[in-house]
Amino acid sequence: MNDREAEKLLELGEKYARKVLLKDRERQLDNMYHLVASDGNITLVPGTWENDIQKQIILAVVRDIAKKIKCRAVLFTGEGWTVSREVPATEWHKKREAGKWYPPPSQDPERKEVVNIIAADTLGAKALILQMVRDKPGGRLISLVETARLDNASGQMIDGFIQPQE
């Protein structure tokens, strides 16, 4: 992956999140796509959803825009929930865990509120996860703390956006 471009996109996403949430004191960070066209022009696409059906519709619309502009790089920035689970120690433990049901992260009592920042280009994708720290549960946001940086990211938020370049 072109580390310079990926890192620039991740930095842009982090600056956007910190400005909106910590400097401007907005109550939430709306989902935002930055689509970089093959000619270098940038298209901003906001996308807020309230359920999975709306989410799939918005993702389809953004993928369509990406296709039309011959998207060469994409940045997604948005809030979400995450839950940490222990990695099973052995294959036997993995099989035993495979059948367990867990609630979705948004409903799990052990959830953590995060900002997801994911950047992709023609060579791969990277992600940065920032935990949202509040002064009390449901209170004022006081900090964004890096909890993970991934070099091989994937998922529905960015898969299918990058178009082959001529």
N, C-alpha and C. Protein backbone atom coordinates (compact mmCIF):
# COMPACT_ATOMS: atom_id res chain seq x y z
N MET A 1 0.85 -1.19 0.00
CA MET A 1 0.00 0.00 0.00
C MET A 1 0.89 1.24 0.00
N ASN A 2 0.43 2.26 -0.63
CA ASN A 2 1.13 3.53 -0.64
C ASN A 2 0.98 4.14 0.76
N ASP A 3 1.97 3.90 1.63
CA ASP A 3 1.86 4.35 3.02
C ASP A 3 1.64 5.85 3.14
N ARG A 4 2.26 6.63 2.28
CA ARG A 4 2.06 8.08 2.37
C ARG A 4 0.61 8.45 2.17
N GLU A 5 -0.03 7.91 1.14
CA GLU A 5 -1.44 8.23 0.90
C GLU A 5 -2.33 7.69 2.01
N ALA A 6 -2.11 6.45 2.41
CA ALA A 6 -2.92 5.85 3.48
C ALA A 6 -2.77 6.63 4.78
N GLU A 7 -1.55 6.96 5.12
CA GLU A 7 -1.34 7.71 6.36
C GLU A 7 -1.96 9.10 6.30
N LYS A 8 -1.87 9.74 5.14
CA LYS A 8 -2.49 11.06 4.98
C LYS A 8 -4.00 10.97 5.16
N LEU A 9 -4.62 9.94 4.61
CA LEU A 9 -6.06 9.76 4.76
C LEU A 9 -6.43 9.48 6.22
N LEU A 10 -5.65 8.62 6.88
CA LEU A 10 -5.93 8.35 8.30
C LEU A 10 -5.75 9.61 9.14
N GLU A 11 -4.72 10.39 8.84
CA GLU A 11 -4.51 11.65 9.56
C GLU A 11 -5.67 12.61 9.33
N LEU A 12 -6.16 12.68 8.10
CA LEU A 12 -7.30 13.53 7.78
C LEU A 12 -8.53 13.10 8.59
N GLY A 13 -8.79 11.80 8.65
CA GLY A 13 -9.91 11.29 9.43
C GLY A 13 -9.78 11.58 10.91
N GLU A 14 -8.57 11.43 11.44
CA GLU A 14 -8.36 11.70 12.86
C GLU A 14 -8.53 13.19 13.15
N LYS A 15 -8.00 14.06 12.29
CA LYS A 15 -8.17 15.50 12.48
C LYS A 15 -9.64 15.89 12.43
N TYR A 16 -10.37 15.30 11.49
CA TYR A 16 -11.81 15.56 11.35
C TYR A 16 -12.54 15.17 12.64
N ALA A 17 -12.28 13.97 13.15
CA ALA A 17 -12.94 13.50 14.37
C ALA A 17 -12.60 14.38 15.57
N ARG A 18 -11.33 14.70 15.72
CA ARG A 18 -10.92 15.54 16.87
C ARG A 18 -11.53 16.94 16.79
N LYS A 19 -11.58 17.51 15.59
CA LYS A 19 -12.17 18.84 15.43
C LYS A 19 -13.65 18.82 15.78
N VAL A 20 -14.39 17.89 15.18
CA VAL A 20 -15.84 17.85 15.39
C VAL A 20 -16.19 17.54 16.84
N LEU A 21 -15.53 16.54 17.41
CA LEU A 21 -15.93 16.08 18.75
C LEU A 21 -15.29 16.85 19.90
N LEU A 22 -14.02 17.21 19.76
CA LEU A 22 -13.33 17.85 20.89
C LEU A 22 -13.25 19.37 20.78
N LYS A 23 -13.01 19.88 19.58
CA LYS A 23 -12.89 21.33 19.43
C LYS A 23 -14.26 21.99 19.27
N ASP A 24 -15.06 21.47 18.32
CA ASP A 24 -16.38 22.06 18.06
C ASP A 24 -17.44 21.59 19.06
N ARG A 25 -17.12 20.54 19.83
CA ARG A 25 -18.00 20.00 20.88
C ARG A 25 -19.35 19.51 20.34
N GLU A 26 -19.36 18.99 19.10
CA GLU A 26 -20.58 18.41 18.56
C GLU A 26 -20.94 17.17 19.38
N ARG A 27 -22.22 16.87 19.48
CA ARG A 27 -22.68 15.74 20.29
C ARG A 27 -22.35 14.40 19.66
N GLN A 28 -22.25 14.37 18.34
CA GLN A 28 -21.88 13.13 17.67
C GLN A 28 -21.13 13.43 16.38
N LEU A 29 -20.43 12.42 15.92
CA LEU A 29 -19.67 12.49 14.67
C LEU A 29 -20.48 11.77 13.60
N ASP A 30 -21.02 12.52 12.66
CA ASP A 30 -21.77 11.88 11.58
C ASP A 30 -20.81 11.13 10.67
N ASN A 31 -21.28 10.03 10.12
CA ASN A 31 -20.46 9.24 9.20
C ASN A 31 -20.12 10.09 7.98
N MET A 32 -18.88 9.98 7.53
CA MET A 32 -18.44 10.77 6.38
C MET A 32 -17.50 9.93 5.51
N TYR A 33 -17.77 9.97 4.21
CA TYR A 33 -16.87 9.37 3.22
C TYR A 33 -16.15 10.47 2.47
N HIS A 34 -14.84 10.29 2.30
CA HIS A 34 -14.03 11.11 1.41
C HIS A 34 -13.62 10.18 0.28
N LEU A 35 -14.13 10.42 -0.92
CA LEU A 35 -13.80 9.60 -2.08
C LEU A 35 -12.83 10.37 -2.96
N VAL A 36 -11.67 9.77 -3.22
CA VAL A 36 -10.66 10.40 -4.07
C VAL A 36 -10.79 9.80 -5.46
N ALA A 37 -11.16 10.64 -6.42
CA ALA A 37 -11.35 10.19 -7.80
C ALA A 37 -10.00 9.95 -8.48
N SER A 38 -10.05 9.26 -9.61
CA SER A 38 -8.81 8.97 -10.35
C SER A 38 -8.09 10.25 -10.77
N ASP A 39 -8.84 11.36 -10.94
CA ASP A 39 -8.21 12.64 -11.32
C ASP A 39 -7.77 13.45 -10.10
N GLY A 40 -7.95 12.91 -8.89
CA GLY A 40 -7.52 13.59 -7.68
C GLY A 40 -8.58 14.43 -7.00
N ASN A 41 -9.71 14.68 -7.66
CA ASN A 41 -10.79 15.43 -7.03
C ASN A 41 -11.39 14.61 -5.88
N ILE A 42 -11.85 15.33 -4.86
CA ILE A 42 -12.41 14.67 -3.68
C ILE A 42 -13.91 14.95 -3.61
N THR A 43 -14.67 13.88 -3.40
CA THR A 43 -16.12 13.97 -3.21
C THR A 43 -16.42 13.59 -1.76
N LEU A 44 -17.12 14.48 -1.04
CA LEU A 44 -17.52 14.20 0.33
C LEU A 44 -18.95 13.68 0.32
N VAL A 45 -19.17 12.56 1.01
CA VAL A 45 -20.50 11.98 1.07
C VAL A 45 -20.84 11.66 2.53
N PRO A 46 -21.75 12.46 3.13
CA PRO A 46 -22.19 12.12 4.49
C PRO A 46 -23.19 10.97 4.41
N GLY A 47 -23.26 10.18 5.45
CA GLY A 47 -24.21 9.06 5.43
C GLY A 47 -24.58 8.63 6.82
N THR A 48 -25.72 9.09 7.30
CA THR A 48 -26.18 8.70 8.63
C THR A 48 -27.35 7.74 8.48
N TRP A 49 -27.32 6.67 9.26
CA TRP A 49 -28.39 5.67 9.20
C TRP A 49 -28.85 5.32 10.60
N GLU A 50 -30.05 4.78 10.67
CA GLU A 50 -30.63 4.40 11.95
C GLU A 50 -30.86 2.90 12.06
N ASN A 51 -30.70 2.16 10.95
CA ASN A 51 -30.85 0.71 11.01
C ASN A 51 -30.05 0.09 9.87
N ASP A 52 -30.01 -1.25 9.84
CA ASP A 52 -29.18 -1.94 8.85
C ASP A 52 -29.68 -1.75 7.42
N ILE A 53 -30.99 -1.62 7.23
CA ILE A 53 -31.51 -1.42 5.88
C ILE A 53 -31.05 -0.07 5.34
N GLN A 54 -31.16 0.99 6.15
CA GLN A 54 -30.69 2.31 5.73
C GLN A 54 -29.19 2.29 5.46
N LYS A 55 -28.46 1.57 6.32
CA LYS A 55 -27.01 1.47 6.16
C LYS A 55 -26.66 0.83 4.82
N GLN A 56 -27.34 -0.27 4.46
CA GLN A 56 -27.05 -0.95 3.19
C GLN A 56 -27.40 -0.08 1.99
N ILE A 57 -28.46 0.70 2.11
CA ILE A 57 -28.84 1.62 1.02
C ILE A 57 -27.77 2.69 0.84
N ILE A 58 -27.32 3.29 1.93
CA ILE A 58 -26.29 4.33 1.85
C ILE A 58 -24.99 3.75 1.30
N LEU A 59 -24.60 2.56 1.76
CA LEU A 59 -23.38 1.94 1.25
C LEU A 59 -23.49 1.69 -0.26
N ALA A 60 -24.65 1.27 -0.73
CA ALA A 60 -24.84 1.04 -2.17
C ALA A 60 -24.73 2.36 -2.94
N VAL A 61 -25.31 3.43 -2.41
CA VAL A 61 -25.24 4.74 -3.08
C VAL A 61 -23.78 5.22 -3.15
N VAL A 62 -23.05 5.07 -2.04
CA VAL A 62 -21.65 5.54 -2.01
C VAL A 62 -20.81 4.69 -2.96
N ARG A 63 -21.04 3.37 -3.01
CA ARG A 63 -20.31 2.52 -3.96
C ARG A 63 -20.61 2.94 -5.41
N ASP A 64 -21.84 3.31 -5.69
CA ASP A 64 -22.21 3.76 -7.03
C ASP A 64 -21.47 5.05 -7.39
N ILE A 65 -21.41 5.98 -6.45
CA ILE A 65 -20.66 7.23 -6.67
C ILE A 65 -19.18 6.90 -6.91
N ALA A 66 -18.63 6.00 -6.08
CA ALA A 66 -17.22 5.61 -6.21
C ALA A 66 -16.94 5.04 -7.60
N LYS A 67 -17.86 4.24 -8.09
CA LYS A 67 -17.70 3.65 -9.43
C LYS A 67 -17.72 4.73 -10.51
N LYS A 68 -18.65 5.67 -10.39
CA LYS A 68 -18.79 6.73 -11.40
C LYS A 68 -17.57 7.64 -11.46
N ILE A 69 -16.96 7.91 -10.31
CA ILE A 69 -15.80 8.82 -10.30
C ILE A 69 -14.47 8.07 -10.43
N LYS A 70 -14.54 6.74 -10.59
CA LYS A 70 -13.33 5.90 -10.67
C LYS A 70 -12.46 6.12 -9.44
N CYS A 71 -13.05 5.86 -8.29
CA CYS A 71 -12.42 6.09 -6.99
C CYS A 71 -11.10 5.33 -6.86
N ARG A 72 -10.04 6.06 -6.50
CA ARG A 72 -8.73 5.42 -6.32
C ARG A 72 -8.37 5.30 -4.85
N ALA A 73 -9.06 6.08 -3.98
CA ALA A 73 -8.82 6.00 -2.54
C ALA A 73 -10.08 6.46 -1.82
N VAL A 74 -10.28 5.92 -0.61
CA VAL A 74 -11.48 6.25 0.15
C VAL A 74 -11.12 6.34 1.64
N LEU A 75 -11.81 7.24 2.32
CA LEU A 75 -11.67 7.38 3.77
C LEU A 75 -13.07 7.34 4.36
N PHE A 76 -13.28 6.47 5.32
CA PHE A 76 -14.53 6.44 6.08
C PHE A 76 -14.22 6.84 7.51
N THR A 77 -15.02 7.74 8.06
CA THR A 77 -14.89 8.15 9.46
C THR A 77 -16.28 8.13 10.08
N GLY A 78 -16.43 7.44 11.20
CA GLY A 78 -17.73 7.39 11.86
C GLY A 78 -17.65 6.77 13.24
N GLU A 79 -18.68 7.01 14.02
CA GLU A 79 -18.76 6.44 15.37
C GLU A 79 -19.25 5.00 15.30
N GLY A 80 -18.95 4.26 16.34
CA GLY A 80 -19.42 2.88 16.43
C GLY A 80 -19.19 2.33 17.83
N TRP A 81 -19.46 1.06 17.96
CA TRP A 81 -19.25 0.34 19.22
C TRP A 81 -18.31 -0.81 18.96
N THR A 82 -17.52 -1.18 19.95
CA THR A 82 -16.65 -2.34 19.84
C THR A 82 -16.69 -3.11 21.16
N VAL A 83 -16.44 -4.39 21.05
CA VAL A 83 -16.36 -5.26 22.22
C VAL A 83 -15.11 -6.10 22.07
N SER A 84 -14.31 -6.19 23.11
CA SER A 84 -13.11 -7.02 23.08
C SER A 84 -13.45 -8.40 23.66
N ARG A 85 -13.04 -9.41 22.94
CA ARG A 85 -13.24 -10.78 23.40
C ARG A 85 -11.89 -11.48 23.40
N GLU A 86 -11.71 -12.38 24.36
CA GLU A 86 -10.46 -13.14 24.42
C GLU A 86 -10.37 -14.06 23.21
N VAL A 87 -9.17 -14.20 22.68
CA VAL A 87 -8.94 -15.12 21.58
C VAL A 87 -8.82 -16.51 22.17
N PRO A 88 -9.61 -17.48 21.66
CA PRO A 88 -9.53 -18.84 22.18
C PRO A 88 -8.12 -19.41 22.05
N ALA A 89 -7.69 -20.11 23.09
CA ALA A 89 -6.31 -20.59 23.17
C ALA A 89 -6.02 -21.76 22.23
N THR A 90 -6.99 -22.64 22.00
CA THR A 90 -6.74 -23.84 21.20
C THR A 90 -7.87 -24.00 20.17
N GLU A 91 -7.67 -24.94 19.24
CA GLU A 91 -8.72 -25.24 18.26
C GLU A 91 -9.98 -25.74 18.95
N TRP A 92 -9.81 -26.55 20.00
CA TRP A 92 -10.96 -27.05 20.75
C TRP A 92 -11.76 -25.89 21.33
N HIS A 93 -11.07 -24.90 21.90
CA HIS A 93 -11.73 -23.72 22.46
C HIS A 93 -12.41 -22.90 21.37
N LYS A 94 -11.77 -22.79 20.20
CA LYS A 94 -12.36 -22.05 19.09
C LYS A 94 -13.68 -22.67 18.66
N LYS A 95 -13.69 -24.03 18.54
CA LYS A 95 -14.91 -24.72 18.14
C LYS A 95 -16.01 -24.52 19.19
N ARG A 96 -15.64 -24.57 20.46
CA ARG A 96 -16.62 -24.39 21.53
C ARG A 96 -17.21 -22.98 21.49
N GLU A 97 -16.37 -21.98 21.21
CA GLU A 97 -16.82 -20.58 21.15
C GLU A 97 -17.64 -20.29 19.89
N ALA A 98 -17.39 -21.04 18.82
CA ALA A 98 -18.04 -20.77 17.54
C ALA A 98 -19.56 -20.82 17.63
N GLY A 99 -20.11 -21.64 18.49
CA GLY A 99 -21.55 -21.75 18.58
C GLY A 99 -22.20 -20.78 19.54
N LYS A 100 -21.41 -20.00 20.24
CA LYS A 100 -21.97 -19.07 21.23
C LYS A 100 -22.59 -17.85 20.55
N TRP A 101 -23.68 -17.38 21.14
CA TRP A 101 -24.32 -16.17 20.64
C TRP A 101 -23.90 -15.01 21.53
N TYR A 102 -23.53 -13.92 20.91
CA TYR A 102 -23.21 -12.69 21.63
C TYR A 102 -24.13 -11.60 21.10
N PRO A 103 -24.52 -10.67 21.97
CA PRO A 103 -25.34 -9.56 21.47
C PRO A 103 -24.52 -8.68 20.54
N PRO A 104 -25.19 -7.92 19.67
CA PRO A 104 -24.45 -6.98 18.84
C PRO A 104 -23.70 -5.99 19.74
N PRO A 105 -22.56 -5.48 19.27
CA PRO A 105 -21.78 -4.56 20.12
C PRO A 105 -22.60 -3.40 20.69
N SER A 106 -23.55 -2.88 19.93
CA SER A 106 -24.34 -1.74 20.43
C SER A 106 -25.20 -2.11 21.64
N GLN A 107 -25.43 -3.41 21.86
CA GLN A 107 -26.26 -3.84 22.98
C GLN A 107 -25.48 -4.58 24.06
N ASP A 108 -24.21 -4.78 23.86
CA ASP A 108 -23.38 -5.52 24.81
C ASP A 108 -23.03 -4.62 26.00
N PRO A 109 -23.23 -5.09 27.22
CA PRO A 109 -22.91 -4.25 28.38
C PRO A 109 -21.41 -3.93 28.51
N GLU A 110 -20.56 -4.69 27.84
CA GLU A 110 -19.11 -4.47 27.89
C GLU A 110 -18.61 -3.61 26.71
N ARG A 111 -19.53 -2.99 25.98
CA ARG A 111 -19.17 -2.23 24.78
C ARG A 111 -18.36 -0.99 25.11
N LYS A 112 -17.61 -0.57 24.10
CA LYS A 112 -16.85 0.68 24.18
C LYS A 112 -17.23 1.53 22.98
N GLU A 113 -17.40 2.82 23.22
CA GLU A 113 -17.74 3.76 22.17
C GLU A 113 -16.45 4.17 21.45
N VAL A 114 -16.46 4.09 20.12
CA VAL A 114 -15.24 4.36 19.36
C VAL A 114 -15.53 5.21 18.13
N VAL A 115 -14.45 5.76 17.58
CA VAL A 115 -14.46 6.37 16.26
C VAL A 115 -13.65 5.43 15.37
N ASN A 116 -14.28 5.00 14.27
CA ASN A 116 -13.62 4.15 13.28
C ASN A 116 -13.14 5.02 12.13
N ILE A 117 -11.86 4.90 11.81
CA ILE A 117 -11.28 5.63 10.70
C ILE A 117 -10.61 4.59 9.80
N ILE A 118 -11.12 4.46 8.57
CA ILE A 118 -10.63 3.42 7.68
C ILE A 118 -10.28 4.06 6.34
N ALA A 119 -9.07 3.81 5.87
CA ALA A 119 -8.61 4.36 4.59
C ALA A 119 -8.17 3.22 3.68
N ALA A 120 -8.53 3.32 2.41
CA ALA A 120 -8.14 2.29 1.45
C ALA A 120 -7.73 2.93 0.14
N ASP A 121 -6.83 2.25 -0.56
CA ASP A 121 -6.48 2.65 -1.92
C ASP A 121 -6.32 1.38 -2.75
N THR A 122 -5.74 1.46 -3.91
CA THR A 122 -5.65 0.31 -4.81
C THR A 122 -4.76 -0.80 -4.26
N LEU A 123 -3.98 -0.52 -3.26
CA LEU A 123 -3.06 -1.53 -2.73
C LEU A 123 -3.49 -2.14 -1.40
N GLY A 124 -4.54 -1.65 -0.78
CA GLY A 124 -4.98 -2.21 0.50
C GLY A 124 -5.64 -1.16 1.37
N ALA A 125 -5.83 -1.53 2.63
CA ALA A 125 -6.54 -0.64 3.55
C ALA A 125 -5.89 -0.65 4.93
N LYS A 126 -6.08 0.47 5.62
CA LYS A 126 -5.58 0.64 6.99
C LYS A 126 -6.70 1.21 7.84
N ALA A 127 -6.63 0.96 9.13
CA ALA A 127 -7.67 1.47 10.02
C ALA A 127 -7.05 2.00 11.31
N LEU A 128 -7.75 2.96 11.89
CA LEU A 128 -7.38 3.54 13.17
C LEU A 128 -8.64 3.56 14.01
N ILE A 129 -8.56 3.02 15.23
CA ILE A 129 -9.70 3.00 16.14
C ILE A 129 -9.36 3.89 17.34
N LEU A 130 -10.24 4.86 17.60
CA LEU A 130 -10.07 5.78 18.73
C LEU A 130 -11.20 5.56 19.72
N GLN A 131 -10.85 5.22 20.97
CA GLN A 131 -11.90 5.07 21.99
C GLN A 131 -12.33 6.45 22.47
N MET A 132 -13.64 6.61 22.63
CA MET A 132 -14.20 7.87 23.11
C MET A 132 -14.27 7.79 24.64
N VAL A 133 -13.58 8.71 25.31
CA VAL A 133 -13.53 8.72 26.78
C VAL A 133 -14.39 9.88 27.27
N ARG A 134 -15.31 9.56 28.16
CA ARG A 134 -16.23 10.57 28.71
C ARG A 134 -15.94 10.80 30.18
N ASP A 135 -16.31 11.99 30.69
CA ASP A 135 -16.07 12.30 32.10
C ASP A 135 -16.94 11.46 33.03
N LYS A 136 -18.06 10.93 32.53
CA LYS A 136 -18.93 10.00 33.26
C LYS A 136 -19.80 9.32 32.20
N PRO A 137 -20.41 8.18 32.52
CA PRO A 137 -21.25 7.51 31.52
C PRO A 137 -22.31 8.46 30.95
N GLY A 138 -22.32 8.58 29.63
CA GLY A 138 -23.26 9.47 28.96
C GLY A 138 -22.90 10.94 29.07
N GLY A 139 -21.76 11.22 29.69
CA GLY A 139 -21.34 12.60 29.92
C GLY A 139 -20.58 13.21 28.78
N ARG A 140 -19.85 14.26 29.11
CA ARG A 140 -19.08 15.04 28.14
C ARG A 140 -17.86 14.27 27.66
N LEU A 141 -17.64 14.30 26.35
CA LEU A 141 -16.46 13.66 25.77
C LEU A 141 -15.23 14.47 26.16
N ILE A 142 -14.22 13.80 26.74
CA ILE A 142 -13.03 14.52 27.16
C ILE A 142 -11.77 14.12 26.41
N SER A 143 -11.83 12.96 25.71
CA SER A 143 -10.63 12.52 25.01
C SER A 143 -10.94 11.46 23.97
N LEU A 144 -10.07 11.37 22.98
CA LEU A 144 -10.09 10.27 22.01
C LEU A 144 -8.73 9.59 22.13
N VAL A 145 -8.74 8.30 22.45
CA VAL A 145 -7.51 7.55 22.72
C VAL A 145 -7.35 6.44 21.69
N GLU A 146 -6.21 6.41 21.02
CA GLU A 146 -5.94 5.36 20.04
C GLU A 146 -5.90 4.01 20.74
N THR A 147 -6.71 3.06 20.24
CA THR A 147 -6.72 1.71 20.81
C THR A 147 -6.24 0.66 19.82
N ALA A 148 -6.27 0.97 18.53
CA ALA A 148 -5.80 0.00 17.54
C ALA A 148 -5.43 0.72 16.26
N ARG A 149 -4.44 0.15 15.58
CA ARG A 149 -4.03 0.60 14.25
C ARG A 149 -3.80 -0.68 13.45
N LEU A 150 -4.56 -0.84 12.37
CA LEU A 150 -4.51 -2.07 11.59
C LEU A 150 -3.96 -1.79 10.19
N ASP A 151 -3.07 -2.65 9.72
CA ASP A 151 -2.49 -2.47 8.39
C ASP A 151 -3.25 -3.22 7.31
N ASN A 152 -4.04 -4.21 7.67
CA ASN A 152 -4.78 -4.99 6.67
C ASN A 152 -6.26 -4.98 7.02
N ALA A 153 -6.87 -3.83 6.89
CA ALA A 153 -8.28 -3.68 7.25
C ALA A 153 -9.18 -4.10 6.09
N SER A 154 -10.39 -4.51 6.44
CA SER A 154 -11.40 -4.79 5.43
C SER A 154 -12.76 -4.71 6.10
N GLY A 155 -13.79 -4.74 5.33
CA GLY A 155 -15.14 -4.72 5.87
C GLY A 155 -16.09 -3.95 4.99
N GLN A 156 -17.37 -4.06 5.32
CA GLN A 156 -18.39 -3.47 4.47
C GLN A 156 -18.28 -1.96 4.32
N MET A 157 -17.63 -1.28 5.25
CA MET A 157 -17.56 0.17 5.18
C MET A 157 -16.64 0.67 4.05
N ILE A 158 -15.74 -0.22 3.55
CA ILE A 158 -14.83 0.21 2.47
C ILE A 158 -14.71 -0.78 1.33
N ASP A 159 -15.12 -2.03 1.54
CA ASP A 159 -14.96 -3.03 0.48
C ASP A 159 -15.82 -2.66 -0.74
N GLY A 160 -15.22 -2.75 -1.91
CA GLY A 160 -15.94 -2.50 -3.15
C GLY A 160 -15.95 -1.05 -3.60
N PHE A 161 -15.24 -0.18 -2.89
CA PHE A 161 -15.23 1.24 -3.26
C PHE A 161 -14.12 1.57 -4.26
N ILE A 162 -12.99 0.91 -4.16
CA ILE A 162 -11.84 1.22 -5.01
C ILE A 162 -12.04 0.59 -6.38
N GLN A 163 -11.85 1.40 -7.41
CA GLN A 163 -12.04 0.97 -8.79
C GLN A 163 -10.68 0.72 -9.43
N PRO A 164 -10.61 -0.26 -10.35
CA PRO A 164 -9.36 -0.49 -11.06
C PRO A 164 -8.93 0.77 -11.81
N GLN A 165 -7.66 1.08 -11.72
CA GLN A 165 -7.14 2.28 -12.37
C GLN A 165 -6.47 1.91 -13.69
N GLU A 166 -6.70 2.74 -14.71
CA GLU A 166 -6.11 2.47 -16.02
C GLU A 166 -4.73 3.02 -16.11
